[in-house]
Amino acid sequence: MYCFTDDPWIGKLFYLEDFYVIQAYQGLGIGAEMLKGLSQIATRNHCMHFLVIIWNQVSTDYYTSQGVLGLSSEESWHLFRFNREELVDMSGEE
């Protein structure tokens, strides 16, 4: 599952979520083919960034083995999200 988002400093982002191959089929090149197709979509749309949740070490290792740079360490970016309660408190609305 993927979608596109925009960032004012970076531009268009390719948001990739739930990209996986079930364990029984891992090691057969399926993930590489899926990543190839996703890379083609990202290239055609001029997107070069995507997100991986920090605790997913298996995915981080896989992407790193494919030459992907982890920007959280390279460029010191962090992803944040407000919880609804804090957002409602800051907005002054209920």
PDB file of N, CA and C in Angstrom:
ATOM      1  N   MET A   1       0.852  -1.161   0.000  1.00  0.00           N
ATOM      2  CA  MET A   1       0.000   0.000   0.000  1.00  0.00           C
ATOM      3  C   MET A   1       0.900   1.228   0.000  1.00  0.00           C
ATOM      4  N   TYR A   2       0.619   2.185  -0.858  1.00  0.00           N
ATOM      5  CA  TYR A   2       1.406   3.412  -0.912  1.00  0.00           C
ATOM      6  C   TYR A   2       0.521   4.582  -1.307  1.00  0.00           C
ATOM      7  N   CYS A   3       1.018   5.775  -1.049  1.00  0.00           N
ATOM      8  CA  CYS A   3       0.349   6.993  -1.483  1.00  0.00           C
ATOM      9  C   CYS A   3       1.411   8.075  -1.629  1.00  0.00           C
ATOM     10  N   PHE A   4       1.017   9.216  -2.122  1.00  0.00           N
ATOM     11  CA  PHE A   4       1.921  10.342  -2.272  1.00  0.00           C
ATOM     12  C   PHE A   4       1.534  11.452  -1.308  1.00  0.00           C
ATOM     13  N   THR A   5       2.514  12.103  -0.736  1.00  0.00           N
ATOM     14  CA  THR A   5       2.294  13.262   0.113  1.00  0.00           C
ATOM     15  C   THR A   5       3.254  14.355  -0.336  1.00  0.00           C
ATOM     16  N   ASP A   6       3.090  15.557   0.202  1.00  0.00           N
ATOM     17  CA  ASP A   6       3.967  16.676  -0.144  1.00  0.00           C
ATOM     18  C   ASP A   6       4.656  17.209   1.094  1.00  0.00           C
ATOM     19  N   ASP A   7       5.898  17.602   0.928  1.00  0.00           N
ATOM     20  CA  ASP A   7       6.684  18.212   1.985  1.00  0.00           C
ATOM     21  C   ASP A   7       7.199  19.545   1.450  1.00  0.00           C
ATOM     22  N   PRO A   8       7.062  20.636   2.223  1.00  0.00           N
ATOM     23  CA  PRO A   8       7.462  21.947   1.703  1.00  0.00           C
ATOM     24  C   PRO A   8       8.959  22.067   1.406  1.00  0.00           C
ATOM     25  N   TRP A   9       9.811  21.305   2.077  1.00  0.00           N
ATOM     26  CA  TRP A   9      11.256  21.403   1.833  1.00  0.00           C
ATOM     27  C   TRP A   9      11.749  20.368   0.837  1.00  0.00           C
ATOM     28  N   ILE A  10      11.113  19.211   0.835  1.00  0.00           N
ATOM     29  CA  ILE A  10      11.581  18.116   0.004  1.00  0.00           C
ATOM     30  C   ILE A  10      10.792  18.027  -1.291  1.00  0.00           C
ATOM     31  N   GLY A  11       9.499  18.280  -1.204  1.00  0.00           N
ATOM     32  CA  GLY A  11       8.627  18.132  -2.361  1.00  0.00           C
ATOM     33  C   GLY A  11       7.750  16.904  -2.192  1.00  0.00           C
ATOM     34  N   LYS A  12       7.439  16.287  -3.297  1.00  0.00           N
ATOM     35  CA  LYS A  12       6.552  15.136  -3.299  1.00  0.00           C
ATOM     36  C   LYS A  12       7.246  13.943  -2.642  1.00  0.00           C
ATOM     37  N   LEU A  13       6.526  13.268  -1.749  1.00  0.00           N
ATOM     38  CA  LEU A  13       7.043  12.087  -1.058  1.00  0.00           C
ATOM     39  C   LEU A  13       6.238  10.850  -1.449  1.00  0.00           C
ATOM     40  N   PHE A  14       6.911   9.755  -1.524  1.00  0.00           N
ATOM     41  CA  PHE A  14       6.295   8.459  -1.781  1.00  0.00           C
ATOM     42  C   PHE A  14       6.157   7.768  -0.435  1.00  0.00           C
ATOM     43  N   TYR A  15       4.944   7.641   0.077  1.00  0.00           N
ATOM     44  CA  TYR A  15       4.706   7.033   1.380  1.00  0.00           C
ATOM     45  C   TYR A  15       4.378   5.564   1.156  1.00  0.00           C
ATOM     46  N   LEU A  16       5.242   4.700   1.626  1.00  0.00           N
ATOM     47  CA  LEU A  16       5.107   3.260   1.436  1.00  0.00           C
ATOM     48  C   LEU A  16       4.733   2.618   2.768  1.00  0.00           C
ATOM     49  N   GLU A  17       3.638   1.873   2.768  1.00  0.00           N
ATOM     50  CA  GLU A  17       3.179   1.222   3.993  1.00  0.00           C
ATOM     51  C   GLU A  17       2.811  -0.227   3.684  1.00  0.00           C
ATOM     52  N   ASP A  18       3.128  -1.105   4.623  1.00  0.00           N
ATOM     53  CA  ASP A  18       2.742  -2.513   4.515  1.00  0.00           C
ATOM     54  C   ASP A  18       3.305  -3.206   3.284  1.00  0.00           C
ATOM     55  N   PHE A  19       4.575  -2.959   3.005  1.00  0.00           N
ATOM     56  CA  PHE A  19       5.271  -3.690   1.948  1.00  0.00           C
ATOM     57  C   PHE A  19       5.972  -4.871   2.602  1.00  0.00           C
ATOM     58  N   TYR A  20       5.531  -6.062   2.312  1.00  0.00           N
ATOM     59  CA  TYR A  20       6.152  -7.228   2.918  1.00  0.00           C
ATOM     60  C   TYR A  20       5.898  -8.467   2.066  1.00  0.00           C
ATOM     61  N   VAL A  21       6.705  -9.466   2.293  1.00  0.00           N
ATOM     62  CA  VAL A  21       6.537 -10.787   1.691  1.00  0.00           C
ATOM     63  C   VAL A  21       6.407 -11.763   2.851  1.00  0.00           C
ATOM     64  N   ILE A  22       5.364 -12.585   2.836  1.00  0.00           N
ATOM     65  CA  ILE A  22       5.193 -13.525   3.939  1.00  0.00           C
ATOM     66  C   ILE A  22       6.385 -14.477   3.997  1.00  0.00           C
ATOM     67  N   GLN A  23       6.674 -14.927   5.189  1.00  0.00           N
ATOM     68  CA  GLN A  23       7.903 -15.669   5.456  1.00  0.00           C
ATOM     69  C   GLN A  23       8.100 -16.878   4.529  1.00  0.00           C
ATOM     70  N   ALA A  24       7.042 -17.584   4.226  1.00  0.00           N
ATOM     71  CA  ALA A  24       7.166 -18.774   3.380  1.00  0.00           C
ATOM     72  C   ALA A  24       7.714 -18.459   1.988  1.00  0.00           C
ATOM     73  N   TYR A  25       7.575 -17.205   1.550  1.00  0.00           N
ATOM     74  CA  TYR A  25       8.018 -16.817   0.209  1.00  0.00           C
ATOM     75  C   TYR A  25       9.229 -15.898   0.207  1.00  0.00           C
ATOM     76  N   GLN A  26       9.787 -15.629   1.379  1.00  0.00           N
ATOM     77  CA  GLN A  26      10.970 -14.782   1.448  1.00  0.00           C
ATOM     78  C   GLN A  26      12.173 -15.515   0.888  1.00  0.00           C
ATOM     79  N   GLY A  27      13.093 -14.751   0.298  1.00  0.00           N
ATOM     80  CA  GLY A  27      14.306 -15.331  -0.265  1.00  0.00           C
ATOM     81  C   GLY A  27      14.152 -15.822  -1.689  1.00  0.00           C
ATOM     82  N   LEU A  28      12.994 -15.595  -2.301  1.00  0.00           N
ATOM     83  CA  LEU A  28      12.745 -16.047  -3.670  1.00  0.00           C
ATOM     84  C   LEU A  28      12.835 -14.921  -4.698  1.00  0.00           C
ATOM     85  N   GLY A  29      13.184 -13.718  -4.240  1.00  0.00           N
ATOM     86  CA  GLY A  29      13.285 -12.580  -5.155  1.00  0.00           C
ATOM     87  C   GLY A  29      11.990 -11.817  -5.349  1.00  0.00           C
ATOM     88  N   ILE A  30      10.945 -12.216  -4.651  1.00  0.00           N
ATOM     89  CA  ILE A  30       9.638 -11.551  -4.787  1.00  0.00           C
ATOM     90  C   ILE A  30       9.724 -10.117  -4.278  1.00  0.00           C
ATOM     91  N   GLY A  31      10.344  -9.923  -3.114  1.00  0.00           N
ATOM     92  CA  GLY A  31      10.493  -8.568  -2.562  1.00  0.00           C
ATOM     93  C   GLY A  31      11.289  -7.675  -3.483  1.00  0.00           C
ATOM     94  N   ALA A  32      12.333  -8.211  -4.087  1.00  0.00           N
ATOM     95  CA  ALA A  32      13.148  -7.425  -5.018  1.00  0.00           C
ATOM     96  C   ALA A  32      12.327  -6.991  -6.230  1.00  0.00           C
ATOM     97  N   GLU A  33      11.491  -7.886  -6.732  1.00  0.00           N
ATOM     98  CA  GLU A  33      10.636  -7.528  -7.870  1.00  0.00           C
ATOM     99  C   GLU A  33       9.584  -6.493  -7.485  1.00  0.00           C
ATOM    100  N   MET A  34       9.013  -6.648  -6.282  1.00  0.00           N
ATOM    101  CA  MET A  34       8.037  -5.667  -5.808  1.00  0.00           C
ATOM    102  C   MET A  34       8.720  -4.313  -5.623  1.00  0.00           C
ATOM    103  N   LEU A  35       9.913  -4.310  -5.033  1.00  0.00           N
ATOM    104  CA  LEU A  35      10.651  -3.067  -4.838  1.00  0.00           C
ATOM    105  C   LEU A  35      11.019  -2.439  -6.172  1.00  0.00           C
ATOM    106  N   LYS A  36      11.331  -3.252  -7.158  1.00  0.00           N
ATOM    107  CA  LYS A  36      11.622  -2.738  -8.501  1.00  0.00           C
ATOM    108  C   LYS A  36      10.398  -2.006  -9.060  1.00  0.00           C
ATOM    109  N   GLY A  37       9.235  -2.621  -8.954  1.00  0.00           N
ATOM    110  CA  GLY A  37       8.009  -1.984  -9.443  1.00  0.00           C
ATOM    111  C   GLY A  37       7.693  -0.700  -8.693  1.00  0.00           C
ATOM    112  N   LEU A  38       7.853  -0.723  -7.376  1.00  0.00           N
ATOM    113  CA  LEU A  38       7.615   0.475  -6.570  1.00  0.00           C
ATOM    114  C   LEU A  38       8.635   1.563  -6.908  1.00  0.00           C
ATOM    115  N   SER A  39       9.872   1.167  -7.169  1.00  0.00           N
ATOM    116  CA  SER A  39      10.905   2.134  -7.561  1.00  0.00           C
ATOM    117  C   SER A  39      10.566   2.788  -8.890  1.00  0.00           C
ATOM    118  N   GLN A  40       9.999   2.015  -9.808  1.00  0.00           N
ATOM    119  CA  GLN A  40       9.588   2.578 -11.100  1.00  0.00           C
ATOM    120  C   GLN A  40       8.485   3.616 -10.912  1.00  0.00           C
ATOM    121  N   ILE A  41       7.525   3.328 -10.041  1.00  0.00           N
ATOM    122  CA  ILE A  41       6.451   4.284  -9.751  1.00  0.00           C
ATOM    123  C   ILE A  41       7.030   5.546  -9.122  1.00  0.00           C
ATOM    124  N   ALA A  42       7.922   5.373  -8.143  1.00  0.00           N
ATOM    125  CA  ALA A  42       8.533   6.523  -7.470  1.00  0.00           C
ATOM    126  C   ALA A  42       9.365   7.349  -8.448  1.00  0.00           C
ATOM    127  N   THR A  43      10.117   6.702  -9.330  1.00  0.00           N
ATOM    128  CA  THR A  43      10.951   7.413 -10.302  1.00  0.00           C
ATOM    129  C   THR A  43      10.095   8.212 -11.269  1.00  0.00           C
ATOM    130  N   ARG A  44       9.033   7.607 -11.775  1.00  0.00           N
ATOM    131  CA  ARG A  44       8.138   8.304 -12.715  1.00  0.00           C
ATOM    132  C   ARG A  44       7.489   9.525 -12.072  1.00  0.00           C
ATOM    133  N   ASN A  45       7.311   9.478 -10.749  1.00  0.00           N
ATOM    134  CA  ASN A  45       6.656  10.580 -10.033  1.00  0.00           C
ATOM    135  C   ASN A  45       7.649  11.473  -9.296  1.00  0.00           C
ATOM    136  N   HIS A  46       8.935  11.301  -9.568  1.00  0.00           N
ATOM    137  CA  HIS A  46      10.004  12.135  -9.002  1.00  0.00           C
ATOM    138  C   HIS A  46       9.997  12.130  -7.473  1.00  0.00           C
ATOM    139  N   CYS A  47       9.788  10.961  -6.898  1.00  0.00           N
ATOM    140  CA  CYS A  47       9.784  10.802  -5.444  1.00  0.00           C
ATOM    141  C   CYS A  47      10.941   9.896  -5.054  1.00  0.00           C
ATOM    142  N   MET A  48      11.672  10.320  -4.060  1.00  0.00           N
ATOM    143  CA  MET A  48      12.818   9.522  -3.661  1.00  0.00           C
ATOM    144  C   MET A  48      12.841   9.236  -2.166  1.00  0.00           C
ATOM    145  N   HIS A  49      11.835   9.647  -1.429  1.00  0.00           N
ATOM    146  CA  HIS A  49      11.804   9.447   0.021  1.00  0.00           C
ATOM    147  C   HIS A  49      10.654   8.518   0.398  1.00  0.00           C
ATOM    148  N   PHE A  50      10.866   7.736   1.447  1.00  0.00           N
ATOM    149  CA  PHE A  50       9.783   6.942   2.009  1.00  0.00           C
ATOM    150  C   PHE A  50      10.075   6.694   3.478  1.00  0.00           C
ATOM    151  N   LEU A  51       9.095   6.181   4.180  1.00  0.00           N
ATOM    152  CA  LEU A  51       9.181   6.007   5.626  1.00  0.00           C
ATOM    153  C   LEU A  51       9.153   4.534   6.017  1.00  0.00           C
ATOM    154  N   VAL A  52       9.912   4.189   7.044  1.00  0.00           N
ATOM    155  CA  VAL A  52       9.870   2.854   7.641  1.00  0.00           C
ATOM    156  C   VAL A  52       9.815   3.065   9.146  1.00  0.00           C
ATOM    157  N   ILE A  53       8.910   2.373   9.802  1.00  0.00           N
ATOM    158  CA  ILE A  53       8.794   2.528  11.252  1.00  0.00           C
ATOM    159  C   ILE A  53      10.093   2.062  11.918  1.00  0.00           C
ATOM    160  N   ILE A  54      10.518   2.772  12.933  1.00  0.00           N
ATOM    161  CA  ILE A  54      11.850   2.597  13.512  1.00  0.00           C
ATOM    162  C   ILE A  54      12.091   1.207  14.102  1.00  0.00           C
ATOM    163  N   TRP A  55      11.063   0.554  14.621  1.00  0.00           N
ATOM    164  CA  TRP A  55      11.257  -0.751  15.247  1.00  0.00           C
ATOM    165  C   TRP A  55      11.341  -1.885  14.238  1.00  0.00           C
ATOM    166  N   ASN A  56      11.083  -1.611  12.970  1.00  0.00           N
ATOM    167  CA  ASN A  56      11.083  -2.662  11.953  1.00  0.00           C
ATOM    168  C   ASN A  56      12.501  -2.862  11.413  1.00  0.00           C
ATOM    169  N   GLN A  57      13.323  -3.521  12.211  1.00  0.00           N
ATOM    170  CA  GLN A  57      14.730  -3.706  11.864  1.00  0.00           C
ATOM    171  C   GLN A  57      14.913  -4.581  10.626  1.00  0.00           C
ATOM    172  N   VAL A  58      14.038  -5.556  10.432  1.00  0.00           N
ATOM    173  CA  VAL A  58      14.136  -6.423   9.257  1.00  0.00           C
ATOM    174  C   VAL A  58      14.002  -5.591   7.987  1.00  0.00           C
ATOM    175  N   SER A  59      13.001  -4.705   7.949  1.00  0.00           N
ATOM    176  CA  SER A  59      12.825  -3.843   6.777  1.00  0.00           C
ATOM    177  C   SER A  59      13.973  -2.861   6.631  1.00  0.00           C
ATOM    178  N   THR A  60      14.398  -2.277   7.741  1.00  0.00           N
ATOM    179  CA  THR A  60      15.523  -1.335   7.699  1.00  0.00           C
ATOM    180  C   THR A  60      16.759  -2.017   7.132  1.00  0.00           C
ATOM    181  N   ASP A  61      17.049  -3.216   7.593  1.00  0.00           N
ATOM    182  CA  ASP A  61      18.199  -3.962   7.090  1.00  0.00           C
ATOM    183  C   ASP A  61      18.051  -4.272   5.604  1.00  0.00           C
ATOM    184  N   TYR A  62      16.841  -4.654   5.191  1.00  0.00           N
ATOM    185  CA  TYR A  62      16.611  -4.976   3.783  1.00  0.00           C
ATOM    186  C   TYR A  62      16.841  -3.755   2.903  1.00  0.00           C
ATOM    187  N   TYR A  63      16.213  -2.637   3.265  1.00  0.00           N
ATOM    188  CA  TYR A  63      16.368  -1.430   2.455  1.00  0.00           C
ATOM    189  C   TYR A  63      17.815  -0.955   2.430  1.00  0.00           C
ATOM    190  N   THR A  64      18.493  -1.035   3.567  1.00  0.00           N
ATOM    191  CA  THR A  64      19.901  -0.649   3.618  1.00  0.00           C
ATOM    192  C   THR A  64      20.731  -1.530   2.689  1.00  0.00           C
ATOM    193  N   SER A  65      20.413  -2.820   2.642  1.00  0.00           N
ATOM    194  CA  SER A  65      21.140  -3.726   1.747  1.00  0.00           C
ATOM    195  C   SER A  65      20.895  -3.393   0.279  1.00  0.00           C
ATOM    196  N   GLN A  66      19.798  -2.684   0.007  1.00  0.00           N
ATOM    197  CA  GLN A  66      19.472  -2.273  -1.357  1.00  0.00           C
ATOM    198  C   GLN A  66      20.053  -0.904  -1.706  1.00  0.00           C
ATOM    199  N   GLY A  67      20.795  -0.302  -0.761  1.00  0.00           N
ATOM    200  CA  GLY A  67      21.437   0.987  -1.022  1.00  0.00           C
ATOM    201  C   GLY A  67      20.666   2.200  -0.546  1.00  0.00           C
ATOM    202  N   VAL A  68      19.590   1.984   0.202  1.00  0.00           N
ATOM    203  CA  VAL A  68      18.778   3.098   0.706  1.00  0.00           C
ATOM    204  C   VAL A  68      19.495   3.771   1.872  1.00  0.00           C
ATOM    205  N   LEU A  69      19.444   5.103   1.909  1.00  0.00           N
ATOM    206  CA  LEU A  69      20.046   5.869   2.999  1.00  0.00           C
ATOM    207  C   LEU A  69      18.994   6.166   4.058  1.00  0.00           C
ATOM    208  N   GLY A  70      19.328   5.949   5.320  1.00  0.00           N
ATOM    209  CA  GLY A  70      18.435   6.290   6.419  1.00  0.00           C
ATOM    210  C   GLY A  70      18.611   7.760   6.779  1.00  0.00           C
ATOM    211  N   LEU A  71      17.660   8.592   6.410  1.00  0.00           N
ATOM    212  CA  LEU A  71      17.799  10.039   6.616  1.00  0.00           C
ATOM    213  C   LEU A  71      17.716  10.449   8.074  1.00  0.00           C
ATOM    214  N   SER A  72      17.112   9.620   8.930  1.00  0.00           N
ATOM    215  CA  SER A  72      17.043  10.001  10.338  1.00  0.00           C
ATOM    216  C   SER A  72      18.440  10.089  10.929  1.00  0.00           C
ATOM    217  N   SER A  73      19.367   9.308  10.440  1.00  0.00           N
ATOM    218  CA  SER A  73      20.753   9.422  10.913  1.00  0.00           C
ATOM    219  C   SER A  73      21.584  10.293   9.978  1.00  0.00           C
ATOM    220  N   GLU A  74      21.313  10.246   8.673  1.00  0.00           N
ATOM    221  CA  GLU A  74      22.080  11.029   7.701  1.00  0.00           C
ATOM    222  C   GLU A  74      21.789  12.527   7.805  1.00  0.00           C
ATOM    223  N   GLU A  75      20.506  12.870   7.934  1.00  0.00           N
ATOM    224  CA  GLU A  75      20.104  14.275   7.912  1.00  0.00           C
ATOM    225  C   GLU A  75      19.413  14.721   9.190  1.00  0.00           C
ATOM    226  N   SER A  76      19.338  13.853  10.168  1.00  0.00           N
ATOM    227  CA  SER A  76      18.767  14.157  11.487  1.00  0.00           C
ATOM    228  C   SER A  76      17.313  14.605  11.431  1.00  0.00           C
ATOM    229  N   TRP A  77      16.496  13.958  10.636  1.00  0.00           N
ATOM    230  CA  TRP A  77      15.065  14.236  10.596  1.00  0.00           C
ATOM    231  C   TRP A  77      14.339  13.257  11.494  1.00  0.00           C
ATOM    232  N   HIS A  78      13.299  13.742  12.168  1.00  0.00           N
ATOM    233  CA  HIS A  78      12.438  12.899  12.982  1.00  0.00           C
ATOM    234  C   HIS A  78      11.003  13.104  12.538  1.00  0.00           C
ATOM    235  N   LEU A  79      10.231  12.066  12.572  1.00  0.00           N
ATOM    236  CA  LEU A  79       8.814  12.138  12.244  1.00  0.00           C
ATOM    237  C   LEU A  79       8.032  12.231  13.548  1.00  0.00           C
ATOM    238  N   PHE A  80       7.115  13.196  13.638  1.00  0.00           N
ATOM    239  CA  PHE A  80       6.296  13.379  14.835  1.00  0.00           C
ATOM    240  C   PHE A  80       4.824  13.359  14.461  1.00  0.00           C
ATOM    241  N   ARG A  81       4.000  13.034  15.437  1.00  0.00           N
ATOM    242  CA  ARG A  81       2.560  13.075  15.261  1.00  0.00           C
ATOM    243  C   ARG A  81       1.938  13.509  16.574  1.00  0.00           C
ATOM    244  N   PHE A  82       0.947  14.391  16.511  1.00  0.00           N
ATOM    245  CA  PHE A  82       0.186  14.762  17.695  1.00  0.00           C
ATOM    246  C   PHE A  82      -0.894  13.718  17.935  1.00  0.00           C
ATOM    247  N   ASN A  83      -1.134  13.415  19.200  1.00  0.00           N
ATOM    248  CA  ASN A  83      -2.311  12.632  19.542  1.00  0.00           C
ATOM    249  C   ASN A  83      -3.502  13.565  19.484  1.00  0.00           C
ATOM    250  N   ARG A  84      -4.655  13.028  19.220  1.00  0.00           N
ATOM    251  CA  ARG A  84      -5.860  13.858  19.073  1.00  0.00           C
ATOM    252  C   ARG A  84      -6.109  14.731  20.297  1.00  0.00           C
ATOM    253  N   GLU A  85      -5.924  14.183  21.492  1.00  0.00           N
ATOM    254  CA  GLU A  85      -6.202  14.938  22.716  1.00  0.00           C
ATOM    255  C   GLU A  85      -5.326  16.196  22.799  1.00  0.00           C
ATOM    256  N   GLU A  86      -4.044  16.040  22.512  1.00  0.00           N
ATOM    257  CA  GLU A  86      -3.134  17.198  22.563  1.00  0.00           C
ATOM    258  C   GLU A  86      -3.489  18.215  21.489  1.00  0.00           C
ATOM    259  N   LEU A  87      -3.876  17.739  20.325  1.00  0.00           N
ATOM    260  CA  LEU A  87      -4.258  18.636  19.237  1.00  0.00           C
ATOM    261  C   LEU A  87      -5.518  19.422  19.588  1.00  0.00           C
ATOM    262  N   VAL A  88      -6.475  18.746  20.196  1.00  0.00           N
ATOM    263  CA  VAL A  88      -7.717  19.412  20.624  1.00  0.00           C
ATOM    264  C   VAL A  88      -7.379  20.432  21.712  1.00  0.00           C
ATOM    265  N   ASP A  89      -6.535  20.081  22.669  1.00  0.00           N
ATOM    266  CA  ASP A  89      -6.133  21.016  23.723  1.00  0.00           C
ATOM    267  C   ASP A  89      -5.463  22.261  23.133  1.00  0.00           C
ATOM    268  N   MET A  90      -4.557  22.091  22.189  1.00  0.00           N
ATOM    269  CA  MET A  90      -3.860  23.231  21.594  1.00  0.00           C
ATOM    270  C   MET A  90      -4.799  24.096  20.771  1.00  0.00           C
ATOM    271  N   SER A  91      -5.784  23.469  20.137  1.00  0.00           N
ATOM    272  CA  SER A  91      -6.692  24.228  19.270  1.00  0.00           C
ATOM    273  C   SER A  91      -7.670  25.065  20.069  1.00  0.00           C
ATOM    274  N   GLY A  92      -7.880  24.696  21.354  1.00  0.00           N
ATOM    275  CA  GLY A  92      -8.856  25.396  22.159  1.00  0.00           C
ATOM    276  C   GLY A  92     -10.277  25.028  21.807  1.00  0.00           C
ATOM    277  N   GLU A  93     -10.446  23.983  20.988  1.00  0.00           N
ATOM    278  CA  GLU A  93     -11.786  23.519  20.577  1.00  0.00           C
ATOM    279  C   GLU A  93     -12.068  22.173  21.210  1.00  0.00           C
ATOM    280  N   GLU A  94     -13.344  21.852  21.259  1.00  0.00           N
ATOM    281  CA  GLU A  94     -13.723  20.541  21.814  1.00  0.00           C
ATOM    282  C   GLU A  94     -14.443  19.721  20.801  1.00  0.00           C
TER     283      GLU A  94
END
